[in-house]
Amino acid sequence: MFFPCLENLKKARFPERSIEILDWWLGTRRPNTRQSLNPLQFCLDCNIDVEHALKLFAYCVYDDNIKILRQKFAVYCPSCGSRIKIFYDNINKRTYSCNNCGYNLSEDLLDDSTVVTYVLMKDPVQSNAPLPPMGVGQGKAESLRISTLREHLSHDEELRGLLSFL
């Protein structure tokens, strides 16, 4: 395994194959992409259900025995597209002003203007037998917005508890 700590996902009753796929996917990311991992890209690359992927990522952030991911929130201006602010672990809900165009982003638009990514906190260890790619070459996934997370939270009580920052 690239990340032996992912074995702890078995305690949360994740299927072993899901754990192996996540381990392979995280372990094979290029170093320059490890600061902005998108769970929707993981879904697309590995043909994984969105809610299942969000749970896997949430456990990788919040489970004290794993903690290999950290959440990163980037607020973007809906007018000019410039990045306004970056937060780690939790987003500060308030009005923001764009330094580029002067647009005042209200708290009402924050969910649709905030992109959620994940930072890989550990380097992978060498693995002798990585899994072959699953569904690779499917294209680029859309950005994960807080509003998209809220949609999935309404369907899954366990996920709602894990992502209590929303």
N, C-alpha and C. Protein backbone atom coordinates (compact mmCIF):
# COMPACT_ATOMS: atom_id res chain seq x y z
N MET A 1 0.83 -1.19 0.00
CA MET A 1 0.00 0.00 0.00
C MET A 1 0.87 1.25 0.00
N PHE A 2 0.37 2.28 -0.65
CA PHE A 2 1.03 3.59 -0.64
C PHE A 2 0.83 4.28 0.71
N PHE A 3 -0.35 4.08 1.32
CA PHE A 3 -0.70 4.73 2.58
C PHE A 3 -1.26 3.67 3.53
N PRO A 4 -0.41 3.03 4.33
CA PRO A 4 -0.87 1.98 5.25
C PRO A 4 -1.97 2.44 6.21
N CYS A 5 -2.01 3.73 6.53
CA CYS A 5 -3.04 4.23 7.45
C CYS A 5 -4.45 4.06 6.89
N LEU A 6 -4.58 3.88 5.57
CA LEU A 6 -5.90 3.69 4.96
C LEU A 6 -6.52 2.35 5.35
N GLU A 7 -5.72 1.44 5.89
CA GLU A 7 -6.26 0.18 6.40
C GLU A 7 -7.32 0.45 7.48
N ASN A 8 -7.21 1.60 8.15
CA ASN A 8 -8.17 1.96 9.20
C ASN A 8 -9.57 2.22 8.64
N LEU A 9 -9.69 2.39 7.33
CA LEU A 9 -11.01 2.56 6.72
C LEU A 9 -11.85 1.28 6.84
N LYS A 10 -11.19 0.15 7.04
CA LYS A 10 -11.93 -1.11 7.22
C LYS A 10 -12.79 -1.06 8.48
N LYS A 11 -12.32 -0.33 9.49
CA LYS A 11 -13.09 -0.20 10.74
C LYS A 11 -14.41 0.54 10.49
N ALA A 12 -14.42 1.38 9.50
CA ALA A 12 -15.64 2.13 9.14
C ALA A 12 -16.48 1.36 8.13
N ARG A 13 -16.11 0.12 7.89
CA ARG A 13 -16.84 -0.81 7.01
C ARG A 13 -16.85 -0.39 5.54
N PHE A 14 -15.75 0.20 5.08
CA PHE A 14 -15.61 0.45 3.65
C PHE A 14 -15.15 -0.83 2.98
N PRO A 15 -15.64 -1.12 1.78
CA PRO A 15 -15.18 -2.33 1.08
C PRO A 15 -13.67 -2.26 0.81
N GLU A 16 -13.03 -3.40 0.90
CA GLU A 16 -11.58 -3.45 0.70
C GLU A 16 -11.19 -2.94 -0.68
N ARG A 17 -11.99 -3.24 -1.68
CA ARG A 17 -11.68 -2.78 -3.04
C ARG A 17 -11.70 -1.25 -3.12
N SER A 18 -12.63 -0.61 -2.44
CA SER A 18 -12.68 0.86 -2.41
C SER A 18 -11.42 1.43 -1.78
N ILE A 19 -10.98 0.80 -0.71
CA ILE A 19 -9.77 1.25 -0.01
C ILE A 19 -8.55 1.10 -0.92
N GLU A 20 -8.48 -0.03 -1.62
CA GLU A 20 -7.36 -0.27 -2.53
C GLU A 20 -7.34 0.76 -3.68
N ILE A 21 -8.53 1.06 -4.20
CA ILE A 21 -8.62 2.02 -5.31
C ILE A 21 -8.22 3.42 -4.83
N LEU A 22 -8.72 3.82 -3.66
CA LEU A 22 -8.35 5.13 -3.12
C LEU A 22 -6.85 5.20 -2.87
N ASP A 23 -6.29 4.15 -2.29
CA ASP A 23 -4.85 4.10 -2.03
C ASP A 23 -4.07 4.25 -3.33
N TRP A 24 -4.48 3.51 -4.36
CA TRP A 24 -3.80 3.59 -5.65
C TRP A 24 -3.92 5.00 -6.23
N TRP A 25 -5.14 5.56 -6.19
CA TRP A 25 -5.38 6.87 -6.80
C TRP A 25 -4.55 7.95 -6.10
N LEU A 26 -4.59 7.96 -4.76
CA LEU A 26 -3.81 8.96 -4.02
C LEU A 26 -2.31 8.76 -4.23
N GLY A 27 -1.88 7.51 -4.24
CA GLY A 27 -0.45 7.21 -4.38
C GLY A 27 0.13 7.49 -5.73
N THR A 28 -0.71 7.58 -6.75
CA THR A 28 -0.21 7.81 -8.11
C THR A 28 -0.42 9.25 -8.60
N ARG A 29 -0.86 10.14 -7.70
CA ARG A 29 -1.01 11.55 -8.10
C ARG A 29 0.38 12.17 -8.25
N ARG A 30 0.51 13.00 -9.26
CA ARG A 30 1.77 13.74 -9.45
C ARG A 30 1.96 14.71 -8.28
N PRO A 31 3.21 14.93 -7.88
CA PRO A 31 3.46 15.83 -6.74
C PRO A 31 2.82 17.21 -6.88
N ASN A 32 2.75 17.76 -8.10
CA ASN A 32 2.19 19.09 -8.26
C ASN A 32 0.66 19.12 -8.15
N THR A 33 0.01 17.97 -8.10
CA THR A 33 -1.45 17.95 -7.95
C THR A 33 -1.89 17.57 -6.53
N ARG A 34 -0.96 17.22 -5.68
CA ARG A 34 -1.29 16.76 -4.32
C ARG A 34 -1.80 17.87 -3.41
N GLN A 35 -1.72 19.12 -3.85
CA GLN A 35 -2.21 20.25 -3.06
C GLN A 35 -3.64 20.64 -3.42
N SER A 36 -4.22 19.96 -4.41
CA SER A 36 -5.59 20.30 -4.82
C SER A 36 -6.29 19.08 -5.41
N LEU A 37 -6.52 18.08 -4.59
CA LEU A 37 -7.19 16.86 -5.03
C LEU A 37 -8.70 17.07 -5.02
N ASN A 38 -9.34 16.61 -6.08
CA ASN A 38 -10.77 16.78 -6.27
C ASN A 38 -11.45 15.41 -6.17
N PRO A 39 -12.35 15.20 -5.20
CA PRO A 39 -13.03 13.91 -5.10
C PRO A 39 -13.87 13.58 -6.34
N LEU A 40 -14.34 14.59 -7.06
CA LEU A 40 -15.09 14.34 -8.29
C LEU A 40 -14.19 13.77 -9.38
N GLN A 41 -12.91 14.17 -9.37
CA GLN A 41 -11.95 13.59 -10.31
C GLN A 41 -11.70 12.13 -9.95
N PHE A 42 -11.62 11.85 -8.66
CA PHE A 42 -11.47 10.46 -8.19
C PHE A 42 -12.65 9.62 -8.68
N CYS A 43 -13.87 10.16 -8.58
CA CYS A 43 -15.07 9.46 -9.06
C CYS A 43 -14.96 9.15 -10.54
N LEU A 44 -14.56 10.15 -11.29
CA LEU A 44 -14.46 10.01 -12.74
C LEU A 44 -13.36 9.03 -13.14
N ASP A 45 -12.20 9.15 -12.51
CA ASP A 45 -11.06 8.28 -12.85
C ASP A 45 -11.32 6.82 -12.50
N CYS A 46 -12.00 6.59 -11.39
CA CYS A 46 -12.10 5.23 -10.85
C CYS A 46 -13.51 4.66 -10.86
N ASN A 47 -14.43 5.39 -11.48
CA ASN A 47 -15.82 4.94 -11.58
C ASN A 47 -16.40 4.62 -10.20
N ILE A 48 -16.29 5.59 -9.29
CA ILE A 48 -16.76 5.47 -7.91
C ILE A 48 -17.97 6.40 -7.74
N ASP A 49 -18.97 5.96 -6.99
CA ASP A 49 -20.15 6.75 -6.67
C ASP A 49 -19.73 8.01 -5.90
N VAL A 50 -20.36 9.14 -6.19
CA VAL A 50 -19.98 10.42 -5.59
C VAL A 50 -20.12 10.40 -4.07
N GLU A 51 -21.25 9.93 -3.55
CA GLU A 51 -21.42 9.92 -2.09
C GLU A 51 -20.40 9.02 -1.41
N HIS A 52 -20.11 7.89 -2.04
CA HIS A 52 -19.11 6.96 -1.48
C HIS A 52 -17.73 7.64 -1.45
N ALA A 53 -17.40 8.33 -2.54
CA ALA A 53 -16.11 9.03 -2.60
C ALA A 53 -16.04 10.14 -1.55
N LEU A 54 -17.11 10.89 -1.38
CA LEU A 54 -17.12 11.96 -0.39
C LEU A 54 -16.94 11.41 1.02
N LYS A 55 -17.54 10.25 1.30
CA LYS A 55 -17.35 9.61 2.60
C LYS A 55 -15.90 9.20 2.79
N LEU A 56 -15.31 8.58 1.76
CA LEU A 56 -13.90 8.17 1.85
C LEU A 56 -13.01 9.38 2.15
N PHE A 57 -13.22 10.46 1.42
CA PHE A 57 -12.41 11.66 1.62
C PHE A 57 -12.64 12.24 3.01
N ALA A 58 -13.91 12.24 3.47
CA ALA A 58 -14.22 12.78 4.79
C ALA A 58 -13.51 11.98 5.88
N TYR A 59 -13.53 10.66 5.77
CA TYR A 59 -12.82 9.85 6.76
C TYR A 59 -11.32 10.12 6.72
N CYS A 60 -10.79 10.37 5.53
CA CYS A 60 -9.35 10.66 5.40
C CYS A 60 -8.99 12.02 6.00
N VAL A 61 -9.97 12.87 6.21
CA VAL A 61 -9.75 14.17 6.85
C VAL A 61 -9.96 14.07 8.36
N TYR A 62 -11.07 13.46 8.78
CA TYR A 62 -11.52 13.56 10.17
C TYR A 62 -11.18 12.37 11.06
N ASP A 63 -10.89 11.21 10.50
CA ASP A 63 -10.57 10.05 11.34
C ASP A 63 -9.16 10.23 11.91
N ASP A 64 -9.05 10.24 13.23
CA ASP A 64 -7.76 10.46 13.89
C ASP A 64 -6.71 9.41 13.55
N ASN A 65 -7.15 8.22 13.13
CA ASN A 65 -6.20 7.16 12.77
C ASN A 65 -5.75 7.24 11.32
N ILE A 66 -6.31 8.16 10.57
CA ILE A 66 -5.95 8.28 9.15
C ILE A 66 -5.34 9.65 8.87
N LYS A 67 -6.15 10.68 8.89
CA LYS A 67 -5.73 12.08 8.70
C LYS A 67 -4.62 12.28 7.66
N ILE A 68 -4.88 11.83 6.44
CA ILE A 68 -3.89 12.08 5.39
C ILE A 68 -4.33 13.20 4.45
N LEU A 69 -5.57 13.64 4.60
CA LEU A 69 -6.07 14.74 3.77
C LEU A 69 -6.48 15.92 4.66
N ARG A 70 -6.41 17.09 4.06
CA ARG A 70 -6.85 18.32 4.72
C ARG A 70 -7.72 19.08 3.72
N GLN A 71 -8.82 19.65 4.19
CA GLN A 71 -9.70 20.39 3.30
C GLN A 71 -9.15 21.79 3.03
N LYS A 72 -9.34 22.21 1.79
CA LYS A 72 -8.94 23.55 1.37
C LYS A 72 -10.12 24.18 0.64
N PHE A 73 -10.48 25.40 1.03
CA PHE A 73 -11.59 26.13 0.43
C PHE A 73 -11.03 27.35 -0.28
N ALA A 74 -11.36 27.51 -1.55
CA ALA A 74 -10.94 28.68 -2.30
C ALA A 74 -12.19 29.44 -2.76
N VAL A 75 -12.28 30.70 -2.35
CA VAL A 75 -13.41 31.55 -2.73
C VAL A 75 -13.02 32.32 -3.99
N TYR A 76 -13.86 32.22 -5.01
CA TYR A 76 -13.61 32.88 -6.29
C TYR A 76 -14.67 33.95 -6.57
N CYS A 77 -14.25 35.00 -7.21
CA CYS A 77 -15.16 36.08 -7.59
C CYS A 77 -16.06 35.60 -8.73
N PRO A 78 -17.40 35.69 -8.59
CA PRO A 78 -18.29 35.27 -9.67
C PRO A 78 -18.28 36.24 -10.85
N SER A 79 -17.75 37.43 -10.66
CA SER A 79 -17.71 38.42 -11.72
C SER A 79 -16.50 38.26 -12.63
N CYS A 80 -15.29 38.20 -12.03
CA CYS A 80 -14.07 38.14 -12.85
C CYS A 80 -13.32 36.81 -12.75
N GLY A 81 -13.71 35.96 -11.80
CA GLY A 81 -13.07 34.65 -11.66
C GLY A 81 -11.79 34.64 -10.84
N SER A 82 -11.38 35.78 -10.31
CA SER A 82 -10.16 35.85 -9.50
C SER A 82 -10.38 35.16 -8.16
N ARG A 83 -9.30 34.58 -7.65
CA ARG A 83 -9.38 33.98 -6.32
C ARG A 83 -9.35 35.08 -5.28
N ILE A 84 -10.32 35.06 -4.38
CA ILE A 84 -10.43 36.09 -3.35
C ILE A 84 -9.72 35.68 -2.07
N LYS A 85 -9.92 34.43 -1.65
CA LYS A 85 -9.40 33.99 -0.36
C LYS A 85 -9.28 32.47 -0.33
N ILE A 86 -8.31 31.96 0.44
CA ILE A 86 -8.15 30.52 0.67
C ILE A 86 -8.27 30.28 2.17
N PHE A 87 -9.01 29.23 2.52
CA PHE A 87 -9.15 28.79 3.90
C PHE A 87 -8.77 27.33 3.99
N TYR A 88 -8.26 26.93 5.12
CA TYR A 88 -8.01 25.52 5.38
C TYR A 88 -8.91 25.07 6.52
N ASP A 89 -9.45 23.87 6.37
CA ASP A 89 -10.23 23.17 7.39
C ASP A 89 -11.63 23.73 7.63
N ASN A 90 -11.84 25.02 7.54
CA ASN A 90 -13.16 25.59 7.79
C ASN A 90 -13.26 26.92 7.05
N ILE A 91 -14.45 27.23 6.56
CA ILE A 91 -14.62 28.48 5.82
C ILE A 91 -15.26 29.53 6.72
N ASN A 92 -14.80 30.74 6.60
CA ASN A 92 -15.32 31.86 7.36
C ASN A 92 -16.47 32.48 6.55
N LYS A 93 -17.70 32.29 7.03
CA LYS A 93 -18.89 32.79 6.31
C LYS A 93 -19.07 34.28 6.58
N ARG A 94 -18.84 35.07 5.55
CA ARG A 94 -19.07 36.51 5.63
C ARG A 94 -19.02 37.08 4.21
N THR A 95 -19.17 38.37 4.06
CA THR A 95 -19.08 39.03 2.76
C THR A 95 -17.62 39.27 2.42
N TYR A 96 -17.27 39.06 1.13
CA TYR A 96 -15.90 39.26 0.68
C TYR A 96 -15.89 40.25 -0.47
N SER A 97 -14.80 40.97 -0.59
CA SER A 97 -14.63 41.93 -1.68
C SER A 97 -13.47 41.48 -2.56
N CYS A 98 -13.68 41.50 -3.86
CA CYS A 98 -12.64 41.10 -4.82
C CYS A 98 -11.65 42.24 -5.00
N ASN A 99 -10.38 41.96 -4.80
CA ASN A 99 -9.34 42.97 -4.99
C ASN A 99 -9.11 43.29 -6.46
N ASN A 100 -9.53 42.38 -7.35
CA ASN A 100 -9.30 42.58 -8.77
C ASN A 100 -10.35 43.50 -9.41
N CYS A 101 -11.63 43.24 -9.13
CA CYS A 101 -12.68 44.01 -9.81
C CYS A 101 -13.58 44.79 -8.84
N GLY A 102 -13.41 44.58 -7.54
CA GLY A 102 -14.20 45.31 -6.56
C GLY A 102 -15.56 44.71 -6.25
N TYR A 103 -15.89 43.59 -6.85
CA TYR A 103 -17.18 42.94 -6.63
C TYR A 103 -17.32 42.55 -5.16
N ASN A 104 -18.48 42.81 -4.57
CA ASN A 104 -18.76 42.40 -3.19
C ASN A 104 -19.56 41.10 -3.22
N LEU A 105 -18.91 40.03 -2.79
CA LEU A 105 -19.52 38.70 -2.79
C LEU A 105 -20.27 38.51 -1.48
N SER A 106 -21.59 38.41 -1.57
CA SER A 106 -22.41 38.26 -0.37
C SER A 106 -22.34 36.83 0.14
N GLU A 107 -22.72 36.67 1.39
CA GLU A 107 -22.73 35.35 2.03
C GLU A 107 -23.69 34.40 1.30
N ASP A 108 -24.74 34.94 0.67
CA ASP A 108 -25.71 34.12 -0.07
C ASP A 108 -25.08 33.41 -1.27
N LEU A 109 -24.08 34.03 -1.88
CA LEU A 109 -23.44 33.45 -3.07
C LEU A 109 -22.18 32.65 -2.73
N LEU A 110 -21.82 32.60 -1.47
CA LEU A 110 -20.57 31.96 -1.05
C LEU A 110 -20.51 30.48 -1.41
N ASP A 111 -21.60 29.74 -1.22
CA ASP A 111 -21.59 28.30 -1.50
C ASP A 111 -21.28 28.00 -2.97
N ASP A 112 -21.82 28.79 -3.88
CA ASP A 112 -21.58 28.57 -5.31
C ASP A 112 -20.25 29.15 -5.78
N SER A 113 -19.62 29.96 -4.97
CA SER A 113 -18.36 30.60 -5.35
C SER A 113 -17.15 30.00 -4.64
N THR A 114 -17.37 28.94 -3.86
CA THR A 114 -16.28 28.33 -3.10
C THR A 114 -16.00 26.94 -3.64
N VAL A 115 -14.76 26.70 -4.02
CA VAL A 115 -14.32 25.40 -4.51
C VAL A 115 -13.64 24.66 -3.36
N VAL A 116 -14.04 23.39 -3.17
CA VAL A 116 -13.48 22.55 -2.12
C VAL A 116 -12.50 21.57 -2.76
N THR A 117 -11.27 21.57 -2.29
CA THR A 117 -10.28 20.59 -2.71
C THR A 117 -9.64 20.01 -1.46
N TYR A 118 -8.78 19.03 -1.65
CA TYR A 118 -8.14 18.36 -0.54
C TYR A 118 -6.63 18.33 -0.76
N VAL A 119 -5.89 18.53 0.32
CA VAL A 119 -4.43 18.52 0.29
C VAL A 119 -3.97 17.19 0.86
N LEU A 120 -3.09 16.49 0.13
CA LEU A 120 -2.51 15.25 0.63
C LEU A 120 -1.39 15.60 1.60
N MET A 121 -1.55 15.19 2.85
CA MET A 121 -0.64 15.61 3.92
C MET A 121 0.57 14.70 4.08
N LYS A 122 0.54 13.52 3.49
CA LYS A 122 1.66 12.58 3.62
C LYS A 122 2.13 12.17 2.24
N ASP A 123 3.40 11.85 2.15
CA ASP A 123 3.94 11.32 0.90
C ASP A 123 3.68 9.82 0.86
N PRO A 124 3.44 9.30 -0.34
CA PRO A 124 3.22 7.85 -0.44
C PRO A 124 4.51 7.08 -0.19
N VAL A 125 4.36 5.89 0.40
CA VAL A 125 5.51 5.00 0.54
C VAL A 125 5.55 4.14 -0.71
N GLN A 126 6.68 3.59 -1.02
CA GLN A 126 6.81 2.76 -2.22
C GLN A 126 5.93 1.52 -2.09
N SER A 127 5.25 1.22 -3.14
CA SER A 127 4.39 0.04 -3.19
C SER A 127 4.90 -0.88 -4.28
N ASN A 128 4.94 -2.17 -3.99
CA ASN A 128 5.45 -3.14 -4.96
C ASN A 128 4.47 -3.45 -6.07
N ALA A 129 3.19 -3.42 -5.77
CA ALA A 129 2.21 -3.84 -6.76
C ALA A 129 1.02 -2.89 -6.80
N PRO A 130 1.19 -1.71 -7.43
CA PRO A 130 0.03 -0.82 -7.53
C PRO A 130 -1.05 -1.43 -8.43
N LEU A 131 -2.27 -1.11 -8.11
CA LEU A 131 -3.39 -1.59 -8.93
C LEU A 131 -3.34 -0.94 -10.30
N PRO A 132 -3.83 -1.62 -11.30
CA PRO A 132 -3.90 -0.97 -12.62
C PRO A 132 -4.94 0.14 -12.60
N PRO A 133 -4.79 1.13 -13.47
CA PRO A 133 -5.76 2.23 -13.52
C PRO A 133 -7.17 1.71 -13.77
N MET A 134 -8.13 2.38 -13.15
CA MET A 134 -9.54 2.03 -13.31
C MET A 134 -10.25 3.21 -13.96
N GLY A 135 -10.66 3.07 -15.19
CA GLY A 135 -11.44 4.11 -15.82
C GLY A 135 -10.67 5.38 -16.12
N VAL A 136 -9.36 5.32 -16.21
CA VAL A 136 -8.55 6.50 -16.46
C VAL A 136 -8.81 7.01 -17.88
N GLY A 137 -8.66 8.28 -18.08
CA GLY A 137 -8.85 8.86 -19.40
C GLY A 137 -10.28 9.33 -19.62
N GLN A 138 -11.00 9.59 -18.56
CA GLN A 138 -12.39 10.02 -18.68
C GLN A 138 -12.52 11.52 -18.81
N GLY A 139 -11.45 12.26 -18.74
CA GLY A 139 -11.52 13.71 -18.83
C GLY A 139 -11.34 14.38 -17.50
N LYS A 140 -11.62 15.67 -17.48
CA LYS A 140 -11.43 16.47 -16.27
C LYS A 140 -12.77 16.66 -15.58
N ALA A 141 -12.79 16.44 -14.28
CA ALA A 141 -14.03 16.59 -13.51
C ALA A 141 -14.28 18.07 -13.23
N GLU A 142 -15.54 18.40 -12.99
CA GLU A 142 -15.87 19.77 -12.61
C GLU A 142 -15.38 20.03 -11.19
N SER A 143 -15.29 21.28 -10.83
CA SER A 143 -14.87 21.66 -9.48
C SER A 143 -15.96 21.28 -8.48
N LEU A 144 -15.53 20.87 -7.29
CA LEU A 144 -16.47 20.54 -6.23
C LEU A 144 -16.82 21.81 -5.48
N ARG A 145 -18.06 22.22 -5.54
CA ARG A 145 -18.53 23.43 -4.87
C ARG A 145 -19.24 23.05 -3.57
N ILE A 146 -19.29 23.96 -2.64
CA ILE A 146 -20.00 23.71 -1.40
C ILE A 146 -21.47 23.42 -1.69
N SER A 147 -22.04 24.08 -2.68
CA SER A 147 -23.45 23.83 -3.02
C SER A 147 -23.64 22.39 -3.50
N THR A 148 -22.67 21.81 -4.19
CA THR A 148 -22.74 20.41 -4.62
C THR A 148 -22.66 19.49 -3.40
N LEU A 149 -21.78 19.82 -2.47
CA LEU A 149 -21.70 19.03 -1.24
C LEU A 149 -23.02 19.03 -0.50
N ARG A 150 -23.69 20.19 -0.43
CA ARG A 150 -24.98 20.28 0.26
C ARG A 150 -26.02 19.36 -0.38
N GLU A 151 -25.99 19.26 -1.71
CA GLU A 151 -26.93 18.37 -2.41
C GLU A 151 -26.74 16.93 -1.95
N HIS A 152 -25.49 16.48 -1.86
CA HIS A 152 -25.20 15.11 -1.47
C HIS A 152 -25.47 14.88 0.01
N LEU A 153 -25.33 15.91 0.81
CA LEU A 153 -25.59 15.78 2.25
C LEU A 153 -27.06 15.50 2.52
N SER A 154 -27.92 16.02 1.67
CA SER A 154 -29.35 15.81 1.90
C SER A 154 -29.75 14.36 1.71
N HIS A 155 -28.92 13.58 1.01
CA HIS A 155 -29.23 12.17 0.75
C HIS A 155 -28.58 11.22 1.76
N ASP A 156 -27.60 11.66 2.52
CA ASP A 156 -26.80 10.74 3.32
C ASP A 156 -26.53 11.29 4.71
N GLU A 157 -27.16 10.70 5.71
CA GLU A 157 -27.03 11.19 7.08
C GLU A 157 -25.61 11.04 7.63
N GLU A 158 -24.94 9.91 7.31
CA GLU A 158 -23.56 9.70 7.78
C GLU A 158 -22.64 10.78 7.23
N LEU A 159 -22.79 11.09 5.95
CA LEU A 159 -21.97 12.13 5.33
C LEU A 159 -22.26 13.48 5.94
N ARG A 160 -23.51 13.77 6.26
CA ARG A 160 -23.89 15.03 6.89
C ARG A 160 -23.16 15.19 8.22
N GLY A 161 -23.03 14.12 8.99
CA GLY A 161 -22.31 14.17 10.26
C GLY A 161 -20.83 14.37 10.10
N LEU A 162 -20.27 13.79 9.04
CA LEU A 162 -18.83 13.91 8.80
C LEU A 162 -18.44 15.31 8.34
N LEU A 163 -19.31 15.93 7.57
CA LEU A 163 -19.00 17.25 7.02
C LEU A 163 -19.77 18.32 7.77
N SER A 164 -19.60 18.36 9.06
CA SER A 164 -20.37 19.26 9.91
C SER A 164 -19.96 20.72 9.75
N PHE A 165 -18.92 21.01 9.00
CA PHE A 165 -18.49 22.41 8.80
C PHE A 165 -19.50 23.16 7.95
N LEU A 166 -20.38 22.46 7.25
CA LEU A 166 -21.31 23.14 6.34
C LEU A 166 -22.52 23.68 7.06
